[in-house]
Amino acid sequence: MHSRRCYYNLFSSFYDWFVRLHSGDRQERMRNFLAEVACLQKGQTVVDLCTGTGSSALRLARARIRVIGVDFSEGMLRQASRKSVGCSWIHWLQADARALPILSCSVDRVTCSYAMYELSGIARREVLREVIRILKPAGMFMMMEHLPPRRPLVKMLYLIRIYLLGTRGVRSFAGSEEKELGRFFIRVGTITSHGGKTKAVIGYKPIGDGPQARR
């Protein structure tokens, strides 16, 4: 954990540049796609897990909803804080996504952009259990990930991320996200962006004590 935190602290200085290179999305269409799929409504609370430098959280906050951006890297959150000066809708929280200091059944949406592939199978299931815990009944979880890119250089960076920077269980998860999320959520599905460069996999917390809610 300490070594990974150090890595992300260093990575925070050029993380935004890497994402722009990886996605080719200089106009942040994918962040707009995230906000569109999230179906945000006034008065809602959204938790953005593994928020990084806060780009997704900042886009979500334009809807004038309460956004909590969570990351375990102080370096990432430092960059996020610099980008959010004057935005009173966002609260930055340094925490482990596997043990969130957030009340059960207290949030309407949980989002996670470009981070689930970097979790081991065990860690990912622990995070998903926390997501189920903090979501209100019928609340939505949405993870956003890049589709495999076509440009050679960007594709190489993508594969490095999946096969080297990612951890055990990532290869089996990439491409079969619906199956794993189906163990925790109902009405699981995938939506592809208009440009075909990214996808959002969504699921909803069961109402009541269904089998997914107990996992």
C-alpha atoms as a PDB file:
ATOM      1  CA  MET A   1       0.000   0.000   0.000  1.00  0.00           C
ATOM      2  CA  HIS A   2       2.791   2.443   0.908  1.00  0.00           C
ATOM      3  CA  SER A   3       4.641   1.858  -2.360  1.00  0.00           C
ATOM      4  CA  ARG A   4       1.453   2.332  -4.412  1.00  0.00           C
ATOM      5  CA  ARG A   5       0.669   5.566  -2.580  1.00  0.00           C
ATOM      6  CA  CYS A   6       4.179   6.848  -3.311  1.00  0.00           C
ATOM      7  CA  TYR A   7       3.753   5.917  -6.970  1.00  0.00           C
ATOM      8  CA  TYR A   8       0.480   7.853  -7.261  1.00  0.00           C
ATOM      9  CA  ASN A   9       1.897  10.812  -5.364  1.00  0.00           C
ATOM     10  CA  LEU A  10       4.618  11.063  -8.023  1.00  0.00           C
ATOM     11  CA  PHE A  11       2.186  10.283 -10.844  1.00  0.00           C
ATOM     12  CA  SER A  12      -0.098  13.136  -9.757  1.00  0.00           C
ATOM     13  CA  SER A  13       2.226  15.739 -11.303  1.00  0.00           C
ATOM     14  CA  PHE A  14       1.569  14.499 -14.857  1.00  0.00           C
ATOM     15  CA  TYR A  15      -1.600  12.445 -14.421  1.00  0.00           C
ATOM     16  CA  ASP A  16      -3.839  14.886 -16.336  1.00  0.00           C
ATOM     17  CA  TRP A  17      -1.378  14.951 -19.237  1.00  0.00           C
ATOM     18  CA  PHE A  18      -1.341  11.130 -19.341  1.00  0.00           C
ATOM     19  CA  VAL A  19      -5.136  10.922 -19.402  1.00  0.00           C
ATOM     20  CA  ARG A  20      -5.360  13.476 -22.228  1.00  0.00           C
ATOM     21  CA  LEU A  21      -2.753  11.546 -24.229  1.00  0.00           C
ATOM     22  CA  HIS A  22      -4.433   8.205 -23.515  1.00  0.00           C
ATOM     23  CA  SER A  23      -7.921   9.393 -24.397  1.00  0.00           C
ATOM     24  CA  GLY A  24      -7.236  12.131 -26.960  1.00  0.00           C
ATOM     25  CA  ASP A  25     -10.084  13.947 -25.221  1.00  0.00           C
ATOM     26  CA  ARG A  26      -8.949  17.535 -24.970  1.00  0.00           C
ATOM     27  CA  GLN A  27     -12.509  18.837 -24.711  1.00  0.00           C
ATOM     28  CA  GLU A  28     -13.397  16.438 -21.879  1.00  0.00           C
ATOM     29  CA  ARG A  29     -16.237  14.775 -23.769  1.00  0.00           C
ATOM     30  CA  MET A  30     -15.779  11.641 -21.659  1.00  0.00           C
ATOM     31  CA  ARG A  31     -16.320  13.598 -18.436  1.00  0.00           C
ATOM     32  CA  ASN A  32     -19.490  14.993 -19.992  1.00  0.00           C
ATOM     33  CA  PHE A  33     -20.476  11.428 -20.878  1.00  0.00           C
ATOM     34  CA  LEU A  34     -19.967  10.445 -17.227  1.00  0.00           C
ATOM     35  CA  ALA A  35     -22.234  13.240 -16.007  1.00  0.00           C
ATOM     36  CA  GLU A  36     -24.856  12.399 -18.627  1.00  0.00           C
ATOM     37  CA  VAL A  37     -25.027   8.708 -17.684  1.00  0.00           C
ATOM     38  CA  ALA A  38     -25.103   9.530 -13.954  1.00  0.00           C
ATOM     39  CA  CYS A  39     -28.531  11.221 -14.390  1.00  0.00           C
ATOM     40  CA  LEU A  40     -27.814  13.739 -11.641  1.00  0.00           C
ATOM     41  CA  GLN A  41     -30.616  15.526  -9.833  1.00  0.00           C
ATOM     42  CA  LYS A  42     -30.701  18.489  -7.488  1.00  0.00           C
ATOM     43  CA  GLY A  43     -30.093  17.590  -3.852  1.00  0.00           C
ATOM     44  CA  GLN A  44     -28.200  14.379  -4.550  1.00  0.00           C
ATOM     45  CA  THR A  45     -24.859  13.348  -3.064  1.00  0.00           C
ATOM     46  CA  VAL A  46     -22.250  11.662  -5.248  1.00  0.00           C
ATOM     47  CA  VAL A  47     -19.054   9.938  -4.141  1.00  0.00           C
ATOM     48  CA  ASP A  48     -16.303   9.857  -6.764  1.00  0.00           C
ATOM     49  CA  LEU A  49     -13.963   7.011  -5.816  1.00  0.00           C
ATOM     50  CA  CYS A  50     -10.273   7.095  -6.757  1.00  0.00           C
ATOM     51  CA  THR A  51     -10.924  10.676  -7.805  1.00  0.00           C
ATOM     52  CA  GLY A  52      -7.284  11.361  -8.719  1.00  0.00           C
ATOM     53  CA  THR A  53      -6.834  15.021  -9.576  1.00  0.00           C
ATOM     54  CA  GLY A  54     -10.586  15.549  -9.393  1.00  0.00           C
ATOM     55  CA  SER A  55     -11.480  16.073 -13.068  1.00  0.00           C
ATOM     56  CA  SER A  56     -14.569  13.853 -12.922  1.00  0.00           C
ATOM     57  CA  ALA A  57     -15.675  15.238  -9.555  1.00  0.00           C
ATOM     58  CA  LEU A  58     -15.388  18.801 -10.843  1.00  0.00           C
ATOM     59  CA  ARG A  59     -17.494  17.951 -13.885  1.00  0.00           C
ATOM     60  CA  LEU A  60     -20.154  16.305 -11.697  1.00  0.00           C
ATOM     61  CA  ALA A  61     -20.224  19.330  -9.397  1.00  0.00           C
ATOM     62  CA  ARG A  62     -21.438  21.559 -12.235  1.00  0.00           C
ATOM     63  CA  ALA A  63     -24.899  20.122 -11.519  1.00  0.00           C
ATOM     64  CA  ARG A  64     -24.768  21.899  -8.142  1.00  0.00           C
ATOM     65  CA  ILE A  65     -24.888  18.655  -6.212  1.00  0.00           C
ATOM     66  CA  ARG A  66     -22.755  17.601  -3.268  1.00  0.00           C
ATOM     67  CA  VAL A  67     -19.678  15.718  -4.468  1.00  0.00           C
ATOM     68  CA  ILE A  68     -17.189  13.858  -2.261  1.00  0.00           C
ATOM     69  CA  GLY A  69     -13.956  13.059  -4.071  1.00  0.00           C
ATOM     70  CA  VAL A  70     -12.086  10.176  -2.408  1.00  0.00           C
ATOM     71  CA  ASP A  71      -8.488   9.153  -3.014  1.00  0.00           C
ATOM     72  CA  PHE A  72      -5.739   7.582  -0.899  1.00  0.00           C
ATOM     73  CA  SER A  73      -3.005   9.744  -2.476  1.00  0.00           C
ATOM     74  CA  GLU A  74      -2.312  13.091  -0.881  1.00  0.00           C
ATOM     75  CA  GLY A  75      -0.489  14.133  -4.065  1.00  0.00           C
ATOM     76  CA  MET A  76      -3.579  13.538  -6.200  1.00  0.00           C
ATOM     77  CA  LEU A  77      -5.818  15.378  -3.742  1.00  0.00           C
ATOM     78  CA  ARG A  78      -3.379  18.289  -3.598  1.00  0.00           C
ATOM     79  CA  GLN A  79      -3.743  18.709  -7.366  1.00  0.00           C
ATOM     80  CA  ALA A  80      -7.522  18.347  -7.064  1.00  0.00           C
ATOM     81  CA  SER A  81      -7.688  21.046  -4.398  1.00  0.00           C
ATOM     82  CA  ARG A  82      -5.773  23.455  -6.625  1.00  0.00           C
ATOM     83  CA  LYS A  83      -8.239  22.871  -9.456  1.00  0.00           C
ATOM     84  CA  SER A  84     -11.326  23.355  -7.272  1.00  0.00           C
ATOM     85  CA  VAL A  85     -10.602  26.709  -5.628  1.00  0.00           C
ATOM     86  CA  GLY A  86     -13.905  28.528  -5.235  1.00  0.00           C
ATOM     87  CA  CYS A  87     -16.077  25.438  -5.735  1.00  0.00           C
ATOM     88  CA  SER A  88     -18.099  24.954  -2.548  1.00  0.00           C
ATOM     89  CA  TRP A  89     -19.901  21.842  -3.802  1.00  0.00           C
ATOM     90  CA  ILE A  90     -16.876  19.543  -3.503  1.00  0.00           C
ATOM     91  CA  HIS A  91     -15.289  17.968  -0.441  1.00  0.00           C
ATOM     92  CA  TRP A  92     -11.984  16.107  -0.836  1.00  0.00           C
ATOM     93  CA  LEU A  93     -11.435  13.096   1.398  1.00  0.00           C
ATOM     94  CA  GLN A  94      -8.227  11.089   1.798  1.00  0.00           C
ATOM     95  CA  ALA A  95      -9.285   7.520   2.500  1.00  0.00           C
ATOM     96  CA  ASP A  96      -8.924   3.912   1.426  1.00  0.00           C
ATOM     97  CA  ALA A  97     -11.822   2.977  -0.860  1.00  0.00           C
ATOM     98  CA  ARG A  98     -12.039  -0.369   0.946  1.00  0.00           C
ATOM     99  CA  ALA A  99     -12.926   1.320   4.257  1.00  0.00           C
ATOM    100  CA  LEU A 100     -14.787   4.551   3.593  1.00  0.00           C
ATOM    101  CA  PRO A 101     -15.559   6.902   6.503  1.00  0.00           C
ATOM    102  CA  ILE A 102     -19.023   7.511   5.023  1.00  0.00           C
ATOM    103  CA  LEU A 103     -22.362   6.577   6.593  1.00  0.00           C
ATOM    104  CA  SER A 104     -24.239   3.553   5.285  1.00  0.00           C
ATOM    105  CA  CYS A 105     -27.117   4.209   2.875  1.00  0.00           C
ATOM    106  CA  SER A 106     -26.219   7.901   2.652  1.00  0.00           C
ATOM    107  CA  VAL A 107     -25.315   8.623  -1.001  1.00  0.00           C
ATOM    108  CA  ASP A 108     -27.249   8.553  -4.278  1.00  0.00           C
ATOM    109  CA  ARG A 109     -24.470   7.815  -6.750  1.00  0.00           C
ATOM    110  CA  VAL A 110     -20.962   6.367  -6.636  1.00  0.00           C
ATOM    111  CA  THR A 111     -18.678   6.867  -9.621  1.00  0.00           C
ATOM    112  CA  CYS A 112     -15.208   5.560 -10.391  1.00  0.00           C
ATOM    113  CA  SER A 113     -13.279   6.626 -13.487  1.00  0.00           C
ATOM    114  CA  TYR A 114     -10.289   4.757 -14.912  1.00  0.00           C
ATOM    115  CA  ALA A 115      -9.343   3.053 -11.642  1.00  0.00           C
ATOM    116  CA  MET A 116     -11.115  -0.292 -11.255  1.00  0.00           C
ATOM    117  CA  TYR A 117      -8.663  -2.037 -13.595  1.00  0.00           C
ATOM    118  CA  GLU A 118      -5.820  -1.176 -11.243  1.00  0.00           C
ATOM    119  CA  LEU A 119      -7.292  -3.058  -8.288  1.00  0.00           C
ATOM    120  CA  SER A 120      -6.638  -6.695  -7.504  1.00  0.00           C
ATOM    121  CA  GLY A 121      -9.610  -9.043  -7.520  1.00  0.00           C
ATOM    122  CA  ILE A 122      -9.766  -9.115  -3.710  1.00  0.00           C
ATOM    123  CA  ALA A 123      -9.418  -5.339  -3.354  1.00  0.00           C
ATOM    124  CA  ARG A 124     -12.017  -4.749  -6.055  1.00  0.00           C
ATOM    125  CA  ARG A 125     -14.587  -6.906  -4.268  1.00  0.00           C
ATOM    126  CA  GLU A 126     -13.860  -5.096  -0.989  1.00  0.00           C
ATOM    127  CA  VAL A 127     -14.423  -1.758  -2.727  1.00  0.00           C
ATOM    128  CA  LEU A 128     -17.680  -2.957  -4.278  1.00  0.00           C
ATOM    129  CA  ARG A 129     -18.931  -4.096  -0.873  1.00  0.00           C
ATOM    130  CA  GLU A 130     -18.230  -0.594   0.447  1.00  0.00           C
ATOM    131  CA  VAL A 131     -20.081   0.888  -2.509  1.00  0.00           C
ATOM    132  CA  ILE A 132     -23.112  -1.265  -1.712  1.00  0.00           C
ATOM    133  CA  ARG A 133     -22.905  -0.206   1.943  1.00  0.00           C
ATOM    134  CA  ILE A 134     -22.850   3.563   1.384  1.00  0.00           C
ATOM    135  CA  LEU A 135     -25.403   3.661  -1.459  1.00  0.00           C
ATOM    136  CA  LYS A 136     -29.033   4.304  -0.713  1.00  0.00           C
ATOM    137  CA  PRO A 137     -31.437   1.572  -1.890  1.00  0.00           C
ATOM    138  CA  ALA A 138     -31.784   1.820  -5.702  1.00  0.00           C
ATOM    139  CA  GLY A 139     -28.683   4.044  -5.793  1.00  0.00           C
ATOM    140  CA  MET A 140     -26.441   3.797  -8.852  1.00  0.00           C
ATOM    141  CA  PHE A 141     -22.813   2.710  -9.145  1.00  0.00           C
ATOM    142  CA  MET A 142     -20.997   3.609 -12.339  1.00  0.00           C
ATOM    143  CA  MET A 143     -17.462   2.757 -13.382  1.00  0.00           C
ATOM    144  CA  MET A 144     -15.961   4.353 -16.476  1.00  0.00           C
ATOM    145  CA  GLU A 145     -13.073   2.829 -18.423  1.00  0.00           C
ATOM    146  CA  HIS A 146     -11.357   3.318 -21.759  1.00  0.00           C
ATOM    147  CA  LEU A 147     -12.190   0.949 -24.568  1.00  0.00           C
ATOM    148  CA  PRO A 148      -9.044  -0.583 -26.142  1.00  0.00           C
ATOM    149  CA  PRO A 149      -7.520   2.246 -28.213  1.00  0.00           C
ATOM    150  CA  ARG A 150      -6.507   1.900 -31.858  1.00  0.00           C
ATOM    151  CA  ARG A 151      -3.525   4.247 -32.117  1.00  0.00           C
ATOM    152  CA  PRO A 152      -0.314   2.201 -31.667  1.00  0.00           C
ATOM    153  CA  LEU A 153       1.361   4.385 -29.008  1.00  0.00           C
ATOM    154  CA  VAL A 154      -1.799   4.818 -26.971  1.00  0.00           C
ATOM    155  CA  LYS A 155      -2.640   1.129 -27.322  1.00  0.00           C
ATOM    156  CA  MET A 156       0.807   0.262 -25.967  1.00  0.00           C
ATOM    157  CA  LEU A 157       0.229   2.490 -22.928  1.00  0.00           C
ATOM    158  CA  TYR A 158      -3.168   0.881 -22.415  1.00  0.00           C
ATOM    159  CA  LEU A 159      -1.690  -2.626 -22.502  1.00  0.00           C
ATOM    160  CA  ILE A 160       1.101  -1.609 -20.109  1.00  0.00           C
ATOM    161  CA  ARG A 161      -1.550  -0.406 -17.693  1.00  0.00           C
ATOM    162  CA  ILE A 162      -3.556  -3.622 -17.957  1.00  0.00           C
ATOM    163  CA  TYR A 163      -0.724  -6.120 -17.873  1.00  0.00           C
ATOM    164  CA  LEU A 164       1.961  -4.404 -15.800  1.00  0.00           C
ATOM    165  CA  LEU A 165       0.500  -1.646 -13.634  1.00  0.00           C
ATOM    166  CA  GLY A 166      -2.664  -3.608 -13.021  1.00  0.00           C
ATOM    167  CA  THR A 167      -2.673  -6.348 -10.412  1.00  0.00           C
ATOM    168  CA  ARG A 168      -3.869  -9.934 -10.140  1.00  0.00           C
ATOM    169  CA  GLY A 169      -7.356 -10.466 -11.531  1.00  0.00           C
ATOM    170  CA  VAL A 170      -7.315  -7.415 -13.821  1.00  0.00           C
ATOM    171  CA  ARG A 171      -7.025  -9.371 -17.063  1.00  0.00           C
ATOM    172  CA  SER A 172     -10.069 -11.492 -16.275  1.00  0.00           C
ATOM    173  CA  PHE A 173     -12.065  -8.429 -15.167  1.00  0.00           C
ATOM    174  CA  ALA A 174     -11.389  -6.274 -18.248  1.00  0.00           C
ATOM    175  CA  GLY A 175     -14.111  -7.097 -20.730  1.00  0.00           C
ATOM    176  CA  SER A 176     -16.289  -9.046 -18.274  1.00  0.00           C
ATOM    177  CA  GLU A 177     -17.186  -6.276 -15.846  1.00  0.00           C
ATOM    178  CA  GLU A 178     -20.919  -6.934 -16.046  1.00  0.00           C
ATOM    179  CA  LYS A 179     -20.479 -10.466 -14.716  1.00  0.00           C
ATOM    180  CA  GLU A 180     -18.584  -9.339 -11.602  1.00  0.00           C
ATOM    181  CA  LEU A 181     -20.781  -6.332 -10.926  1.00  0.00           C
ATOM    182  CA  GLY A 182     -23.789  -8.625 -11.234  1.00  0.00           C
ATOM    183  CA  ARG A 183     -22.697 -10.294  -7.983  1.00  0.00           C
ATOM    184  CA  PHE A 184     -23.397  -7.047  -6.139  1.00  0.00           C
ATOM    185  CA  PHE A 185     -25.847  -4.995  -8.192  1.00  0.00           C
ATOM    186  CA  ILE A 186     -29.029  -5.429 -10.213  1.00  0.00           C
ATOM    187  CA  ARG A 187     -29.887  -4.098 -13.703  1.00  0.00           C
ATOM    188  CA  VAL A 188     -26.222  -4.133 -14.674  1.00  0.00           C
ATOM    189  CA  GLY A 189     -25.426  -2.858 -18.159  1.00  0.00           C
ATOM    190  CA  THR A 190     -22.832  -1.146 -20.325  1.00  0.00           C
ATOM    191  CA  ILE A 191     -23.198   2.131 -22.204  1.00  0.00           C
ATOM    192  CA  THR A 192     -20.641   3.154 -24.835  1.00  0.00           C
ATOM    193  CA  SER A 193     -19.857   6.814 -25.493  1.00  0.00           C
ATOM    194  CA  HIS A 194     -20.853   8.389 -28.802  1.00  0.00           C
ATOM    195  CA  GLY A 195     -17.225   8.536 -29.898  1.00  0.00           C
ATOM    196  CA  GLY A 196     -16.682   4.877 -29.056  1.00  0.00           C
ATOM    197  CA  LYS A 197     -13.611   5.540 -26.905  1.00  0.00           C
ATOM    198  CA  THR A 198     -14.959   4.869 -23.447  1.00  0.00           C
ATOM    199  CA  LYS A 199     -17.638   2.850 -21.694  1.00  0.00           C
ATOM    200  CA  ALA A 200     -19.669   3.157 -18.527  1.00  0.00           C
ATOM    201  CA  VAL A 201     -20.697  -0.006 -16.688  1.00  0.00           C
ATOM    202  CA  ILE A 202     -23.586   0.719 -14.345  1.00  0.00           C
ATOM    203  CA  GLY A 203     -25.531  -1.168 -11.687  1.00  0.00           C
ATOM    204  CA  TYR A 204     -28.087  -0.406  -8.987  1.00  0.00           C
ATOM    205  CA  LYS A 205     -28.212  -1.349  -5.333  1.00  0.00           C
ATOM    206  CA  PRO A 206     -31.060  -3.780  -4.639  1.00  0.00           C
ATOM    207  CA  ILE A 207     -33.992  -2.541  -2.602  1.00  0.00           C
ATOM    208  CA  GLY A 208     -34.299  -4.685   0.510  1.00  0.00           C
ATOM    209  CA  ASP A 209     -32.145  -7.622   1.514  1.00  0.00           C
ATOM    210  CA  GLY A 210     -31.687  -9.326  -1.838  1.00  0.00           C
ATOM    211  CA  PRO A 211     -28.792 -11.747  -2.494  1.00  0.00           C
ATOM    212  CA  GLN A 212     -26.597  -9.024  -3.984  1.00  0.00           C
ATOM    213  CA  ALA A 213     -27.086  -6.784  -0.941  1.00  0.00           C
ATOM    214  CA  ARG A 214     -25.726  -9.466   1.382  1.00  0.00           C
ATOM    215  CA  ARG A 215     -22.457 -10.069  -0.509  1.00  0.00           C
END
